[in-house]
Protein backbone atom coordinates (compact mmCIF):
# COMPACT_ATOMS: atom_id res chain seq x y z
CA UNK A 1 105.15 105.92 133.10
CA UNK A 2 107.68 106.90 135.71
CA UNK A 3 108.18 103.45 136.74
CA UNK A 4 108.65 102.35 133.10
CA UNK A 5 111.40 104.97 132.72
CA UNK A 6 113.07 104.04 135.91
CA UNK A 7 113.03 100.30 134.94
CA UNK A 8 114.53 101.17 131.48
CA UNK A 9 117.18 103.30 133.16
CA UNK A 10 118.09 100.47 135.60
CA UNK A 11 118.27 97.86 132.75
CA UNK A 12 120.63 99.94 130.57
CA UNK A 13 123.02 101.23 133.18
CA UNK A 14 125.13 97.96 133.64
CA UNK A 15 125.78 97.99 129.96
CA UNK A 16 126.70 101.71 129.96
CA UNK A 17 128.98 101.13 132.98
CA UNK A 18 130.92 98.60 130.98
CA UNK A 19 130.77 100.61 127.84
CA UNK A 20 132.25 103.81 129.40
CA UNK A 21 134.57 102.09 131.74
CA UNK A 22 137.72 104.10 132.03
CA UNK A 23 136.18 106.99 130.20
CA UNK A 24 133.51 108.42 132.59
CA UNK A 25 132.78 108.04 136.34
CA UNK A 26 129.80 105.83 137.10
CA UNK A 27 128.32 108.86 138.97
CA UNK A 28 128.38 110.88 135.66
CA UNK A 29 126.59 108.10 133.79
CA UNK A 30 124.03 107.71 136.45
CA UNK A 31 123.38 111.45 136.56
CA UNK A 32 122.99 111.73 132.68
CA UNK A 33 120.56 108.76 132.58
CA UNK A 34 118.54 109.34 135.74
CA UNK A 35 118.05 113.14 135.17
CA UNK A 36 116.72 112.63 131.61
CA UNK A 37 114.61 109.61 132.70
CA UNK A 38 112.99 111.38 135.54
CA UNK A 39 111.35 114.22 133.55
CA UNK A 40 107.64 113.78 134.27
CA UNK A 41 106.57 113.47 130.60
CA UNK A 42 106.70 110.79 127.83
CA UNK A 43 108.71 112.53 125.20
CA UNK A 44 109.16 109.52 122.85
CA UNK A 45 105.46 108.86 122.91
CA UNK A 46 104.68 112.35 121.85
CA UNK A 47 107.13 112.29 118.98
CA UNK A 48 106.03 108.89 117.84
CA UNK A 49 102.52 110.22 117.27
CA UNK A 50 103.61 113.14 115.12
CA UNK A 51 102.66 112.95 111.49
CA UNK A 52 106.22 113.96 110.35
CA UNK A 53 107.90 111.01 112.35
CA UNK A 54 105.10 108.56 111.14
CA UNK A 55 105.86 109.69 107.53
CA UNK A 56 109.58 109.04 107.95
CA UNK A 57 109.04 105.59 109.15
CA UNK A 58 106.41 104.86 106.49
CA UNK A 59 108.78 105.79 103.72
CA UNK A 60 111.59 103.63 104.98
CA UNK A 61 109.21 100.67 105.21
CA UNK A 62 107.84 101.19 101.85
CA UNK A 63 111.30 101.49 100.31
CA UNK A 64 112.35 98.31 102.10
CA UNK A 65 109.25 96.25 101.51
CA UNK A 66 109.00 97.11 97.73
CA UNK A 67 112.34 95.68 97.25
CA UNK A 68 112.18 92.69 99.74
CA UNK A 69 108.76 91.39 98.97
CA UNK A 70 108.21 89.47 95.62
CA UNK A 71 104.64 90.19 95.82
CA UNK A 72 103.54 93.75 96.79
CA UNK A 73 100.24 92.31 98.29
CA UNK A 74 102.34 90.75 101.02
CA UNK A 75 102.40 94.15 102.74
CA UNK A 76 99.70 96.08 101.03
CA UNK A 77 97.00 93.59 102.24
CA UNK A 78 98.13 94.47 105.87
CA UNK A 79 97.37 98.24 105.44
CA UNK A 80 94.10 99.89 106.25
CA UNK A 81 91.65 100.29 103.43
CA UNK A 82 91.94 104.04 103.68
CA UNK A 83 94.06 106.56 105.68
CA UNK A 84 93.04 108.19 108.86
CA UNK A 85 91.16 111.48 108.18
CA UNK A 86 92.99 113.23 110.94
CA UNK A 87 96.41 112.04 109.78
CA UNK A 88 95.55 112.87 106.18
CA UNK A 89 94.76 116.45 107.27
CA UNK A 90 97.85 116.78 109.35
CA UNK A 91 100.41 115.24 106.98
CA UNK A 92 102.75 117.59 105.26
CA UNK A 93 102.13 118.33 101.54
CA UNK A 94 105.24 116.45 100.61
CA UNK A 95 105.35 114.47 97.44
CA UNK A 96 107.50 111.33 97.10
CA UNK A 97 108.77 110.34 93.70
CA UNK A 98 108.70 106.64 94.40
CA UNK A 99 105.42 106.05 96.30
CA UNK A 100 101.90 107.53 95.94
CA UNK A 101 100.57 109.65 98.91
CA UNK A 102 97.65 107.31 99.63
CA UNK A 103 99.92 104.34 100.25
CA UNK A 104 102.22 106.44 102.45
CA UNK A 105 99.25 107.62 104.38
CA UNK A 106 97.87 104.04 104.81
CA UNK A 107 101.11 102.73 106.25
CA UNK A 108 101.42 105.79 108.42
CA UNK A 109 97.88 105.12 109.78
CA UNK A 110 98.85 101.59 110.52
CA UNK A 111 101.84 102.81 112.57
CA UNK A 112 99.61 105.43 114.28
CA UNK A 113 96.99 102.76 115.28
CA UNK A 114 99.44 99.96 116.18
CA UNK A 115 98.35 99.83 119.72
CA UNK A 116 94.66 99.58 118.82
CA UNK A 117 92.85 98.69 115.62
CA UNK A 118 96.07 97.71 113.71
CA UNK A 119 97.83 95.80 116.44
CA UNK A 120 98.11 92.52 114.69
CA UNK A 121 98.74 94.02 111.18
CA UNK A 122 101.60 96.15 112.84
CA UNK A 123 103.36 93.02 114.15
CA UNK A 124 102.95 91.12 110.95
CA UNK A 125 104.26 93.99 108.96
CA UNK A 126 107.45 94.17 111.03
CA UNK A 127 107.73 90.46 110.79
CA UNK A 128 108.48 90.96 107.07
CA UNK A 129 111.90 92.70 107.94
CA UNK A 130 114.63 90.13 107.68
CA UNK A 131 116.94 89.38 110.53
CA UNK A 132 119.98 91.14 109.09
CA UNK A 133 118.06 94.28 108.34
CA UNK A 134 116.46 94.25 111.87
CA UNK A 135 119.85 93.89 113.46
CA UNK A 136 121.08 96.94 111.49
CA UNK A 137 118.06 98.94 112.63
CA UNK A 138 118.70 98.09 116.22
CA UNK A 139 122.37 99.10 115.93
CA UNK A 140 121.66 102.23 114.15
CA UNK A 141 119.38 103.57 116.93
CA UNK A 142 121.70 102.16 119.65
CA UNK A 143 124.72 103.93 117.98
CA UNK A 144 122.89 107.26 117.72
CA UNK A 145 121.91 106.98 121.44
CA UNK A 146 125.45 106.13 122.70
CA UNK A 147 126.80 108.96 120.62
CA UNK A 148 124.46 111.44 122.33
CA UNK A 149 125.09 109.95 125.76
CA UNK A 150 128.88 110.21 125.24
CA UNK A 151 128.43 114.02 124.40
CA UNK A 152 126.10 114.54 127.30
CA UNK A 153 128.43 112.93 129.67
CA UNK A 154 131.42 114.91 128.44
CA UNK A 155 129.58 118.13 128.74
CA UNK A 156 128.32 117.12 132.20
CA UNK A 157 131.94 116.61 133.32
CA UNK A 158 133.32 119.83 131.72
CA UNK A 159 130.57 121.98 133.34
CA UNK A 160 131.47 120.78 136.81
CA UNK A 161 127.97 120.78 138.01
CA UNK A 162 126.87 121.65 141.48
CA UNK A 163 124.93 118.88 143.35
CA UNK A 164 121.16 119.72 143.10
CA UNK A 165 118.04 117.75 143.63
CA UNK A 166 115.87 117.10 140.63
CA UNK A 167 112.20 118.32 140.64
CA UNK A 168 109.68 115.77 141.80
CA UNK A 169 106.67 117.19 140.27
CA UNK A 170 105.75 118.96 137.05
CA UNK A 171 105.02 122.20 138.95
CA UNK A 172 108.49 122.24 140.46
CA UNK A 173 110.00 121.49 137.13
CA UNK A 174 107.99 124.53 135.69
CA UNK A 175 109.27 126.83 138.43
CA UNK A 176 112.87 125.71 137.86
CA UNK A 177 112.64 126.21 134.05
CA UNK A 178 111.14 129.68 134.58
CA UNK A 179 114.11 130.59 136.76
CA UNK A 180 116.66 128.76 134.55
CA UNK A 181 118.02 131.90 132.79
CA UNK A 182 119.13 133.41 136.06
CA UNK A 183 120.41 130.06 137.48
CA UNK A 184 122.41 128.73 134.45
CA UNK A 185 125.60 129.04 136.34
CA UNK A 186 124.21 127.26 139.37
CA UNK A 187 122.57 124.39 137.56
CA UNK A 188 124.63 123.91 134.32
CA UNK A 189 124.27 120.19 133.85
CA UNK A 190 120.41 120.27 134.62
CA UNK A 191 120.03 123.16 132.29
CA UNK A 192 121.85 121.30 129.58
CA UNK A 193 120.10 118.07 129.90
CA UNK A 194 116.63 119.54 130.10
CA UNK A 195 116.99 122.09 127.16
CA UNK A 196 119.18 119.96 124.88
CA UNK A 197 116.03 118.75 122.93
CA UNK A 198 115.40 122.46 122.00
CA UNK A 199 119.07 123.12 121.11
CA UNK A 200 120.20 120.15 118.90
CA UNK A 201 120.64 120.83 115.29
CA UNK A 202 120.93 124.51 115.93
CA UNK A 203 123.91 126.63 114.80
CA UNK A 204 126.86 126.45 117.25
CA UNK A 205 126.70 130.23 117.94
CA UNK A 206 123.06 129.81 119.18
CA UNK A 207 123.92 126.88 121.34
CA UNK A 208 126.85 128.65 122.92
CA UNK A 209 124.69 131.64 123.72
CA UNK A 210 122.38 129.33 125.66
CA UNK A 211 124.96 126.99 127.34
CA UNK A 212 127.73 129.67 127.96
CA UNK A 213 130.42 127.06 127.03
CA UNK A 214 132.30 126.90 123.78
CA UNK A 215 133.18 123.22 124.11
CA UNK A 216 129.65 122.16 125.12
CA UNK A 217 128.35 124.06 122.15
CA UNK A 218 130.86 122.22 119.92
CA UNK A 219 129.90 118.80 121.27
CA UNK A 220 126.16 119.46 120.95
CA UNK A 221 126.30 121.12 117.46
CA UNK A 222 128.28 118.15 116.16
CA UNK A 223 125.50 115.69 117.00
CA UNK A 224 123.55 114.47 113.89
CA UNK A 225 122.33 111.26 112.23
CA UNK A 226 123.14 109.75 108.78
CA UNK A 227 119.79 108.08 107.99
CA UNK A 228 116.79 109.74 109.69
CA UNK A 229 114.25 107.46 107.85
CA UNK A 230 116.09 104.33 109.26
CA UNK A 231 115.94 105.72 112.80
CA UNK A 232 112.23 106.41 112.59
CA UNK A 233 111.53 102.82 111.48
CA UNK A 234 114.02 101.58 114.15
CA UNK A 235 112.02 103.18 116.87
CA UNK A 236 108.91 101.16 115.95
CA UNK A 237 110.82 97.90 115.72
CA UNK A 238 112.30 98.37 119.14
CA UNK A 239 109.07 99.38 120.60
CA UNK A 240 107.41 96.27 119.29
CA UNK A 241 110.21 94.14 120.79
CA UNK A 242 109.83 95.91 124.26
CA UNK A 243 113.44 97.08 124.19
CA UNK A 244 114.52 99.34 127.04
CA UNK A 245 116.04 101.82 124.56
CA UNK A 246 112.56 103.24 123.75
CA UNK A 247 111.73 104.00 127.33
CA UNK A 248 114.75 106.30 128.35
CA UNK A 249 112.52 109.26 127.88
CA UNK A 250 114.62 112.39 127.05
CA UNK A 251 117.51 110.27 125.83
CA UNK A 252 115.25 108.33 123.43
CA UNK A 253 113.57 111.51 122.41
CA UNK A 254 116.64 113.22 121.60
CA UNK A 255 117.40 110.54 118.96
CA UNK A 256 113.98 110.83 117.57
CA UNK A 257 114.00 114.65 117.54
CA UNK A 258 117.30 114.64 115.82
CA UNK A 259 115.90 112.22 113.13
CA UNK A 260 112.94 114.44 112.74
CA UNK A 261 115.06 117.57 112.12
CA UNK A 262 117.07 115.77 109.39
CA UNK A 263 113.97 114.89 107.38
CA UNK A 264 113.25 116.86 104.22
CA UNK A 265 109.97 118.31 105.52
CA UNK A 266 111.38 119.44 108.87
CA UNK A 267 111.21 122.99 107.71
CA UNK A 268 108.34 124.01 105.47
CA UNK A 269 108.43 127.79 104.66
CA UNK A 270 106.66 128.29 101.39
CA UNK A 271 107.11 132.06 101.54
CA UNK A 272 110.96 131.60 101.32
CA UNK A 273 111.16 129.61 98.17
CA UNK A 274 112.35 130.92 94.93
CA UNK A 275 110.74 130.23 91.56
CA UNK A 276 111.51 126.84 90.09
CA UNK A 277 111.77 127.78 86.50
CA UNK A 278 112.01 130.72 83.94
CA UNK A 279 111.65 131.19 80.24
CA UNK A 280 114.16 129.29 78.11
CA UNK A 281 114.58 126.14 76.17
CA UNK A 282 116.86 122.99 76.30
CA UNK A 283 119.99 122.60 74.25
CA UNK A 284 119.06 120.90 70.95
CA UNK A 285 122.47 121.11 69.38
CA UNK A 286 123.83 117.70 68.36
CA UNK A 287 127.16 118.12 70.12
CA UNK A 288 127.71 114.89 72.11
CA UNK A 289 129.03 111.67 70.48
CA UNK A 290 126.85 108.85 71.84
CA UNK A 291 128.63 105.89 73.42
CA UNK A 292 126.70 102.93 75.11
CA UNK A 293 129.63 101.89 77.16
CA UNK A 294 130.81 98.38 77.94
CA UNK A 295 128.11 95.77 78.70
CA UNK A 296 127.93 93.94 82.14
CA UNK A 297 129.32 90.89 80.44
CA UNK A 298 132.46 92.74 79.22
CA UNK A 299 131.45 92.79 75.61
CA UNK A 300 132.42 95.76 73.41
CA UNK A 301 129.71 98.35 73.16
CA UNK A 302 127.79 98.85 69.90
CA UNK A 303 129.16 101.72 67.81
CA UNK A 304 126.63 104.41 66.57
CA UNK A 305 127.33 106.93 63.92
CA UNK A 306 125.36 109.80 65.27
CA UNK A 307 125.51 112.67 67.76
CA UNK A 308 122.95 113.54 70.39
CA UNK A 309 121.81 116.75 72.13
CA UNK A 310 121.45 117.32 75.87
CA UNK A 311 117.63 116.79 75.49
CA UNK A 312 118.15 113.55 73.78
CA UNK A 313 120.53 112.24 76.33
CA UNK A 314 118.31 113.19 79.09
CA UNK A 315 115.43 111.38 77.49
CA UNK A 316 117.62 108.30 76.85
CA UNK A 317 118.62 108.15 80.51
CA UNK A 318 115.30 108.99 82.02
CA UNK A 319 112.48 108.55 79.47
CA UNK A 320 111.41 112.28 80.31
CA UNK A 321 110.91 114.91 77.65
CA UNK A 322 112.21 118.29 78.86
CA UNK A 323 109.80 121.19 78.74
CA UNK A 324 110.18 123.19 75.53
CA UNK A 325 109.83 126.74 77.11
CA UNK A 326 111.23 126.47 80.58
CA UNK A 327 114.61 126.26 82.19
CA UNK A 328 115.86 125.95 85.83
CA UNK A 329 115.63 129.24 87.63
CA UNK A 330 118.82 131.35 88.06
CA UNK A 331 117.03 132.87 91.14
CA UNK A 332 116.74 129.43 92.74
CA UNK A 333 120.48 128.77 92.08
CA UNK A 334 121.31 131.90 93.85
CA UNK A 335 118.83 131.05 96.67
CA UNK A 336 120.65 127.79 97.26
CA UNK A 337 124.00 129.61 97.24
CA UNK A 338 122.78 132.13 99.80
CA UNK A 339 122.09 129.03 102.12
CA UNK A 340 125.72 128.01 101.80
CA UNK A 341 125.44 125.53 98.92
CA UNK A 342 128.47 125.56 96.55
CA UNK A 343 127.72 126.77 93.06
CA UNK A 344 128.12 123.52 91.18
CA UNK A 345 125.81 121.73 93.71
CA UNK A 346 123.37 124.55 93.47
CA UNK A 347 122.98 124.16 89.84
CA UNK A 348 122.36 120.35 90.32
CA UNK A 349 119.72 120.89 92.90
CA UNK A 350 118.01 123.65 90.72
CA UNK A 351 117.80 121.12 87.93
CA UNK A 352 116.50 118.47 90.29
CA UNK A 353 113.80 120.86 91.67
CA UNK A 354 112.87 121.91 88.06
CA UNK A 355 112.44 118.25 86.92
CA UNK A 356 110.65 117.15 90.10
CA UNK A 357 108.19 119.92 89.70
CA UNK A 358 107.14 119.07 86.18
CA UNK A 359 107.01 115.32 86.76
CA UNK A 360 104.25 115.71 89.28
CA UNK A 361 102.82 119.10 90.00
CA UNK A 362 103.07 120.66 86.52
CA UNK A 363 100.39 118.46 84.98
CA UNK A 364 97.85 119.69 87.58
CA UNK A 365 98.37 123.18 86.12
CA UNK A 366 98.65 124.78 89.59
CA UNK A 367 101.79 126.71 88.59
CA UNK A 368 99.36 129.29 87.39
CA UNK A 369 97.80 129.73 90.85
CA UNK A 370 99.25 132.57 92.85
CA UNK A 371 99.51 130.83 96.20
CA UNK A 372 100.77 133.79 98.14
CA UNK A 373 99.13 136.70 96.23
CA UNK A 374 100.42 140.05 95.33
CA UNK A 375 98.71 142.60 97.32
CA UNK A 376 100.24 145.47 95.30
CA UNK A 377 98.79 144.33 92.13
CA UNK A 378 95.37 143.72 93.65
CA UNK A 379 95.07 147.15 95.28
CA UNK A 380 92.58 149.51 93.67
CA UNK A 381 93.68 153.01 92.98
CA UNK A 382 92.60 155.29 95.80
CA UNK A 383 90.26 158.00 94.63
CA UNK A 384 90.30 161.60 95.52
CA UNK A 385 88.67 162.37 98.81
CA UNK A 386 89.09 158.70 100.15
CA UNK A 387 89.59 157.76 103.64
CA UNK A 388 93.47 158.23 103.31
CA UNK A 389 92.96 161.85 102.66
CA UNK A 390 91.15 162.21 106.01
CA UNK A 391 87.56 162.41 107.10
CA UNK A 392 85.01 163.88 104.64
CA UNK A 393 81.58 165.22 105.31
CA UNK A 394 78.40 163.64 104.04
CA UNK A 395 75.08 165.43 104.85
CA UNK A 396 76.87 167.53 107.36
CA UNK A 397 78.11 164.57 109.45
CA UNK A 398 81.76 163.53 109.82
CA UNK A 399 82.70 160.04 108.81
CA UNK A 400 84.12 158.09 111.72
CA UNK A 401 87.40 156.29 110.80
CA UNK A 402 87.93 152.73 112.00
CA UNK A 403 90.73 152.11 114.44
CA UNK A 404 93.96 151.45 112.36
CA UNK A 405 95.05 148.67 114.73
CA UNK A 406 91.79 146.78 114.22
CA UNK A 407 91.96 147.16 110.45
CA UNK A 408 95.48 145.74 110.48
CA UNK A 409 94.40 142.67 112.54
CA UNK A 410 91.42 142.14 110.19
CA UNK A 411 93.58 142.43 107.15
CA UNK A 412 96.14 139.93 108.62
CA UNK A 413 93.27 137.53 109.56
CA UNK A 414 91.81 137.70 105.99
CA UNK A 415 95.30 137.20 104.48
CA UNK A 416 95.75 134.08 106.57
CA UNK A 417 92.45 132.73 105.35
CA UNK A 418 93.21 133.46 101.79
CA UNK A 419 96.53 131.74 102.13
CA UNK A 420 94.98 128.71 103.75
CA UNK A 421 92.16 128.48 101.09
CA UNK A 422 94.71 128.77 98.29
CA UNK A 423 96.73 126.02 99.94
CA UNK A 424 93.71 123.81 100.24
CA UNK A 425 92.81 124.56 96.63
CA UNK A 426 96.31 123.65 95.57
CA UNK A 427 96.14 120.32 97.56
CA UNK A 428 92.72 119.46 96.16
CA UNK A 429 94.03 120.05 92.51
CA UNK A 430 97.02 117.68 93.21
CA UNK A 431 94.85 115.17 94.84
CA UNK A 432 92.52 115.18 91.86
CA UNK A 433 95.45 114.85 89.47
CA UNK A 434 96.85 111.94 91.46
CA UNK A 435 93.43 110.10 91.33
CA UNK A 436 93.22 110.62 87.53
CA UNK A 437 96.68 109.29 87.19
CA UNK A 438 95.95 106.28 89.34
CA UNK A 439 92.88 105.54 87.22
CA UNK A 440 94.89 105.77 84.08
CA UNK A 441 97.60 103.59 85.63
CA UNK A 442 94.94 100.96 86.62
CA UNK A 443 93.76 100.98 83.06
CA UNK A 444 97.13 100.54 81.67
CA UNK A 445 97.88 97.69 83.96
CA UNK A 446 94.59 95.99 83.13
CA UNK A 447 95.50 96.18 79.39
CA UNK A 448 98.97 94.90 80.15
CA UNK A 449 97.57 91.99 82.07
CA UNK A 450 95.24 91.09 79.44
CA UNK A 451 97.95 91.20 76.82
CA UNK A 452 100.27 89.21 78.96
CA UNK A 453 97.50 86.53 79.59
CA UNK A 454 96.95 86.23 75.91
CA UNK A 455 100.69 85.56 75.43
CA UNK A 456 100.68 82.92 78.20
CA UNK A 457 97.76 81.20 76.65
CA UNK A 458 99.44 81.29 73.22
CA UNK A 459 102.64 79.71 74.90
CA UNK A 460 100.62 77.00 76.57
CA UNK A 461 98.79 76.21 73.23
CA UNK A 462 102.07 75.88 71.49
CA UNK A 463 103.44 73.57 74.09
CA UNK A 464 100.37 71.24 73.83
CA UNK A 465 100.44 71.36 70.06
CA UNK A 466 104.04 70.27 70.11
CA UNK A 467 103.21 67.37 72.47
CA UNK A 468 100.46 66.19 70.27
CA UNK A 469 102.19 66.66 66.93
CA UNK A 470 103.81 63.83 65.01
CA UNK A 471 107.55 64.01 64.42
CA UNK A 472 107.15 65.03 60.80
CA UNK A 473 104.33 67.47 61.51
CA UNK A 474 106.48 70.20 63.11
CA UNK A 475 105.83 73.95 62.81
CA UNK A 476 107.20 75.83 59.71
CA UNK A 477 110.99 76.27 60.09
CA UNK A 478 113.00 79.30 59.25
CA UNK A 479 116.66 79.49 58.34
CA UNK A 480 118.97 79.89 61.31
CA UNK A 481 120.85 81.93 62.31
CA UNK A 482 118.06 84.64 62.17
CA UNK A 483 119.12 88.19 62.01
CA UNK A 484 116.89 90.03 64.56
CA UNK A 485 115.72 93.32 63.10
CA UNK A 486 113.73 94.77 66.04
CA UNK A 487 115.18 95.77 69.39
CA UNK A 488 114.87 92.65 71.28
CA UNK A 489 116.04 91.86 74.85
CA UNK A 490 116.06 88.38 76.35
CA UNK A 491 116.10 87.66 80.08
CA UNK A 492 116.42 84.35 81.95
CA UNK A 493 117.44 80.89 80.74
CA UNK A 494 120.27 78.68 82.06
CA UNK A 495 123.76 79.48 81.09
CA UNK A 496 124.06 76.52 78.69
CA UNK A 497 120.86 77.54 76.98
CA UNK A 498 121.93 81.04 76.49
CA UNK A 499 125.30 79.91 75.11
CA UNK A 500 123.47 77.89 72.34
CA UNK A 501 120.65 80.30 71.44
CA UNK A 502 122.72 83.49 71.41
CA UNK A 503 124.59 82.77 68.01
CA UNK A 504 121.20 81.65 66.51
CA UNK A 505 119.76 85.17 67.06
CA UNK A 506 122.32 87.86 66.09
CA UNK A 507 121.09 91.30 67.07
CA UNK A 508 119.16 90.27 70.10
CA UNK A 509 120.54 91.32 73.53
CA UNK A 510 120.79 88.64 76.17
CA UNK A 511 121.19 89.20 79.93
CA UNK A 512 122.35 86.76 82.53
CA UNK A 513 119.58 85.36 84.74
CA UNK A 514 121.14 86.71 87.93
CA UNK A 515 121.99 90.10 86.51
CA UNK A 516 119.55 92.75 87.51
CA UNK A 517 120.32 94.98 84.62
CA UNK A 518 119.66 98.67 84.15
CA UNK A 519 115.78 98.64 83.40
CA UNK A 520 116.31 101.38 80.82
CA UNK A 521 117.03 98.48 78.48
CA UNK A 522 113.53 97.34 78.93
CA UNK A 523 112.12 100.84 78.04
CA UNK A 524 114.24 101.08 74.93
CA UNK A 525 113.12 97.69 73.62
CA UNK A 526 110.56 96.79 70.91
CA UNK A 527 109.75 93.45 72.71
CA UNK A 528 110.97 91.52 75.79
CA UNK A 529 111.41 87.80 75.70
CA UNK A 530 111.56 85.72 78.92
CA UNK A 531 112.86 82.18 79.52
CA UNK A 532 111.37 81.61 82.84
CA UNK A 533 112.72 78.18 83.53
CA UNK A 534 115.70 79.75 85.29
CA UNK A 535 114.50 82.95 86.67
CA UNK A 536 113.69 83.98 90.28
CA UNK A 537 110.30 85.56 91.27
CA UNK A 538 112.00 88.83 92.26
CA UNK A 539 113.87 89.15 88.88
CA UNK A 540 110.62 88.16 86.94
CA UNK A 541 108.42 90.71 88.57
CA UNK A 542 111.01 93.52 88.23
CA UNK A 543 111.21 92.94 84.43
CA UNK A 544 107.37 92.59 84.17
CA UNK A 545 106.72 95.78 86.10
CA UNK A 546 109.16 97.68 83.97
CA UNK A 547 107.66 96.41 80.75
CA UNK A 548 104.10 97.23 81.96
CA UNK A 549 105.08 100.61 82.97
CA UNK A 550 106.34 101.56 79.54
CA UNK A 551 103.98 99.46 77.44
CA UNK A 552 106.54 96.95 76.05
CA UNK A 553 105.07 93.69 74.92
CA UNK A 554 106.29 90.53 76.71
CA UNK A 555 106.75 87.13 75.03
CA UNK A 556 107.47 83.75 76.65
CA UNK A 557 109.68 81.03 75.20
CA UNK A 558 107.68 77.79 75.07
CA UNK A 559 110.45 75.21 75.02
CA UNK A 560 113.70 74.41 76.82
CA UNK A 561 115.29 73.68 73.41
CA UNK A 562 117.58 76.55 72.20
CA UNK A 563 116.79 75.80 68.51
CA UNK A 564 112.96 75.80 69.05
CA UNK A 565 113.22 79.05 70.96
CA UNK A 566 115.21 80.68 68.14
CA UNK A 567 112.51 79.50 65.65
CA UNK A 568 109.75 80.84 67.91
CA UNK A 569 111.28 84.25 68.10
CA UNK A 570 112.02 84.42 64.37
CA UNK A 571 108.42 83.37 63.48
CA UNK A 572 107.10 86.07 65.83
CA UNK A 573 109.28 88.69 63.98
CA UNK A 574 107.85 87.50 60.64
CA UNK A 575 104.37 87.74 61.89
CA UNK A 576 105.04 91.31 63.18
CA UNK A 577 106.50 92.18 59.72
CA UNK A 578 103.38 91.03 58.04
CA UNK A 579 101.23 93.15 60.30
CA UNK A 580 103.24 96.14 59.52
CA UNK A 581 102.82 95.53 55.82
């Protein structure tokens, strides 16, 4: 490992000499790189095995792959069948609103086993990242590393270090670190370079107390990253490519630690949280005039002669019904403000916390579980003559009182056990809820697939019937243009086709084949029509997934003729009207 770190340092120094030419002396650059590379440990390797870091990379990969892959099986088939039990136990109880926990754990398991059982799958998974995105990942990690090296070199120069040999063994390093507090003024640059991983992301006052330099504290406190998820994924990409940047030991580890401390679950203090809701109800007053706004094609919006409430607007925007008897917690708003969040933003975060809680956790019913207990309410009243009143006599013998210190330790241990058991119960409840929801989702998808297959068969039958029919033996016609009565949205089709068919179907809403429109339009429709002869796979699956999710029926046009398509849609409406009657 020492030889690997040395080789990486030698490989990157020529680039750093050129990059810092005229800004720092070569001796300064050498000192910063060699000191941190020489630490007898593998800091990046330790961090890359932490579940928190694996989870950050897994979420970035899932976000990217879900958007980049036309078929989710391209990456899902590469993942292990089930997550690692150790990783599942160690992973934070953090819920993501976009991806289910099982998939996150499976991809984190693949990253964790990248050097063993999942070596091939790991390489194939990263091969799915396109060249432009891969270049951005490399540059992001490199930029974060250069930013830190610049700060370290400037601090190194400002502290005017004394020449000092670096420890050659772990024991010598331990002795130096034990005596570091008394030798900070003698070894300022060594002290900074070794303890910086413990100081980054701390308040400036804390860093200054340790470094005894205001400017050094400013430089170190100002170090941060803009996208921690991206840096987590970038490390694994660079590692797979054998890049020297992953083997600079402490310098590489600094970037990774900084990314870790920017992730949402870096701090997890359940006891410090305020309640997320309190008694109340949403605003049902019809006080807002609804406006659809201009369409993407520049057409005037449709005018509506009604007003909406906040609850209605929220549902229109999200499809979520607000709880009838709960409101965001004022205590949580004040809690955010005590942390330094300005008032308006605190209100927004409290609403976000309120909604996020009820979209996932609330359905499990675990809000009724007292996770932390209330010892005061559970205490039994102390009867007269009890232990607290002093020793009593029974059969002439004094009752020996237990040692108060031992009792306190036992109570503390029991309290910890109760907290752990309640946490385990909470997690099992949520896992059970997720499994039930996955089962319901699978059943919904099966029904949607069966319905969609029936529509495809009907379309194919119509196409064959038209091929076999005589000229005079056409399907029953309707009068065009046809006024569409239902909420119908139409996707796809060539521009020329759409230009002809649109006047034939007033009332239907058409979207350009390259326009990835707001999918709320799918949720608000009665039926979705697709003209797939001019539609990309990515566009098609996005529409289909949204329709399946909200149970919206999908129809397929069976002809390239605009007139035949208009007739097909109008006949479908007539059939739907007859069914309703």
